[in-house]
Amino acid sequence: MSQRVSRSDVVATTLLFAGIVSLVVALAWWGLVFGNVAANTSLSIQAAVPCLVNTSDLCSLAMSLCGAGHWFGITRYWEGLFWAGAALTMAAAAFQFVGARAGTGSQLGGKN
């Protein structure tokens, strides 16, 4: 028996892939910037964890005080990429939930 892939499954998979990629890139970007910040300022990596999701005054100050350059030339981190990845992942979950609900409603009693 072959099973058709619905459009909502394709959309959910695409959103999930884009969300995970965005989250991984945001985490790597944060790690590059704040690893350098931690190496060149008194801000520890543990203290910089909140900077992953929110650029506070402390995060901005630490990034601006960090004078050493990266080999990629990256000096700033933008938390918007993290939130975009989270939103895409949540949208994928919503599509999966709606698709699963629609699939169970059409097969009442387990019969086709």
Protein backbone atom coordinates (compact mmCIF):
# COMPACT_ATOMS: atom_id res chain seq x y z
CA MET A 1 0.00 0.00 0.00
CA SER A 2 1.50 3.35 -1.01
CA GLN A 3 0.95 6.39 1.11
CA ARG A 4 0.60 9.82 -0.46
CA VAL A 5 2.57 12.68 0.94
CA SER A 6 0.23 15.55 1.64
CA ARG A 7 1.04 19.17 0.93
CA SER A 8 0.88 19.96 4.65
CA ASP A 9 3.52 17.26 5.30
CA VAL A 10 5.82 18.85 2.72
CA VAL A 11 5.25 22.31 4.21
CA ALA A 12 5.82 21.02 7.74
CA THR A 13 9.02 19.25 6.75
CA THR A 14 10.31 22.32 4.91
CA LEU A 15 9.49 24.58 7.86
CA LEU A 16 11.11 22.17 10.29
CA PHE A 17 14.28 21.96 8.18
CA ALA A 18 14.46 25.76 7.84
CA GLY A 19 13.82 26.20 11.57
CA ILE A 20 16.50 23.74 12.63
CA VAL A 21 19.03 25.23 10.21
CA SER A 22 18.23 28.72 11.53
CA LEU A 23 18.65 27.60 15.14
CA VAL A 24 21.96 25.86 14.39
CA VAL A 25 23.30 28.89 12.50
CA ALA A 26 22.16 31.22 15.31
CA LEU A 27 23.88 29.06 17.92
CA ALA A 28 27.09 28.91 15.87
CA TRP A 29 26.96 32.69 15.25
CA TRP A 30 26.41 33.34 18.97
CA GLY A 31 29.27 30.97 19.81
CA LEU A 32 31.66 32.73 17.45
CA VAL A 33 30.84 36.17 18.75
CA PHE A 34 30.54 35.45 22.44
CA GLY A 35 33.42 33.00 22.49
CA ASN A 36 35.55 35.89 21.31
CA VAL A 37 33.84 38.26 23.76
CA ALA A 38 34.54 35.85 26.64
CA ALA A 39 38.18 35.52 25.58
CA ASN A 40 38.72 39.29 25.45
CA THR A 41 36.49 40.66 28.22
CA SER A 42 35.47 39.67 31.74
CA LEU A 43 32.09 38.36 30.53
CA SER A 44 31.90 34.56 30.89
CA ILE A 45 30.16 32.24 28.44
CA GLN A 46 27.62 31.38 31.16
CA ALA A 47 26.83 35.08 31.64
CA ALA A 48 26.48 35.46 27.85
CA VAL A 49 23.86 32.69 27.46
CA PRO A 50 20.94 35.17 27.78
CA CYS A 51 22.47 37.06 24.83
CA LEU A 52 21.42 34.12 22.64
CA VAL A 53 17.77 35.23 22.86
CA ASN A 54 17.94 38.90 23.84
CA THR A 55 20.45 41.66 23.24
CA SER A 56 20.54 43.44 26.57
CA ASP A 57 22.68 46.46 27.40
CA LEU A 58 25.25 44.08 28.89
CA CYS A 59 25.40 42.05 25.66
CA SER A 60 25.75 45.15 23.51
CA LEU A 61 28.42 46.57 25.79
CA ALA A 62 30.40 43.33 25.78
CA MET A 63 30.26 43.11 21.98
CA SER A 64 31.33 46.73 21.59
CA LEU A 65 34.23 46.38 24.04
CA CYS A 66 35.56 43.28 22.34
CA GLY A 67 38.37 44.69 20.22
CA ALA A 68 39.85 41.51 18.78
CA GLY A 69 38.58 40.58 15.35
CA HIS A 70 37.33 37.20 14.24
CA TRP A 71 38.80 35.28 11.39
CA PHE A 72 35.35 35.59 9.78
CA GLY A 73 35.19 39.32 10.56
CA ILE A 74 32.04 38.81 12.67
CA THR A 75 31.73 41.26 15.56
CA ARG A 76 27.97 41.39 16.27
CA TYR A 77 25.27 38.79 16.93
CA TRP A 78 21.58 39.29 16.12
CA GLU A 79 19.10 37.30 18.22
CA GLY A 80 16.42 37.67 15.55
CA LEU A 81 17.80 34.63 13.74
CA PHE A 82 17.28 32.52 16.85
CA TRP A 83 13.66 33.70 17.15
CA ALA A 84 13.04 33.15 13.43
CA GLY A 85 14.27 29.58 13.81
CA ALA A 86 12.06 29.05 16.84
CA ALA A 87 9.04 30.46 14.98
CA LEU A 88 9.68 28.26 11.95
CA THR A 89 10.00 25.20 14.16
CA MET A 90 6.76 26.04 15.97
CA ALA A 91 5.00 26.59 12.63
CA ALA A 92 6.19 23.14 11.54
CA ALA A 93 4.77 21.66 14.73
CA ALA A 94 1.46 23.43 14.09
CA PHE A 95 1.30 22.06 10.53
CA GLN A 96 2.03 18.56 11.84
CA PHE A 97 -0.66 18.91 14.50
CA VAL A 98 -3.26 20.18 12.03
CA GLY A 99 -2.31 17.52 9.50
CA ALA A 100 -2.56 14.77 12.11
CA ARG A 101 -5.94 16.04 13.28
CA ALA A 102 -7.24 16.20 9.71
CA GLY A 103 -5.97 12.66 9.04
CA THR A 104 -7.67 11.14 12.08
CA GLY A 105 -10.95 12.87 11.33
CA SER A 106 -11.20 11.28 7.88
CA GLN A 107 -10.64 7.76 9.21
CA LEU A 108 -13.28 7.42 11.87
CA GLY A 109 -13.35 3.95 13.35
CA GLY A 110 -10.10 3.01 11.64
CA LYS A 111 -11.83 2.07 8.37
CA ASN A 112 -11.33 3.55 4.89
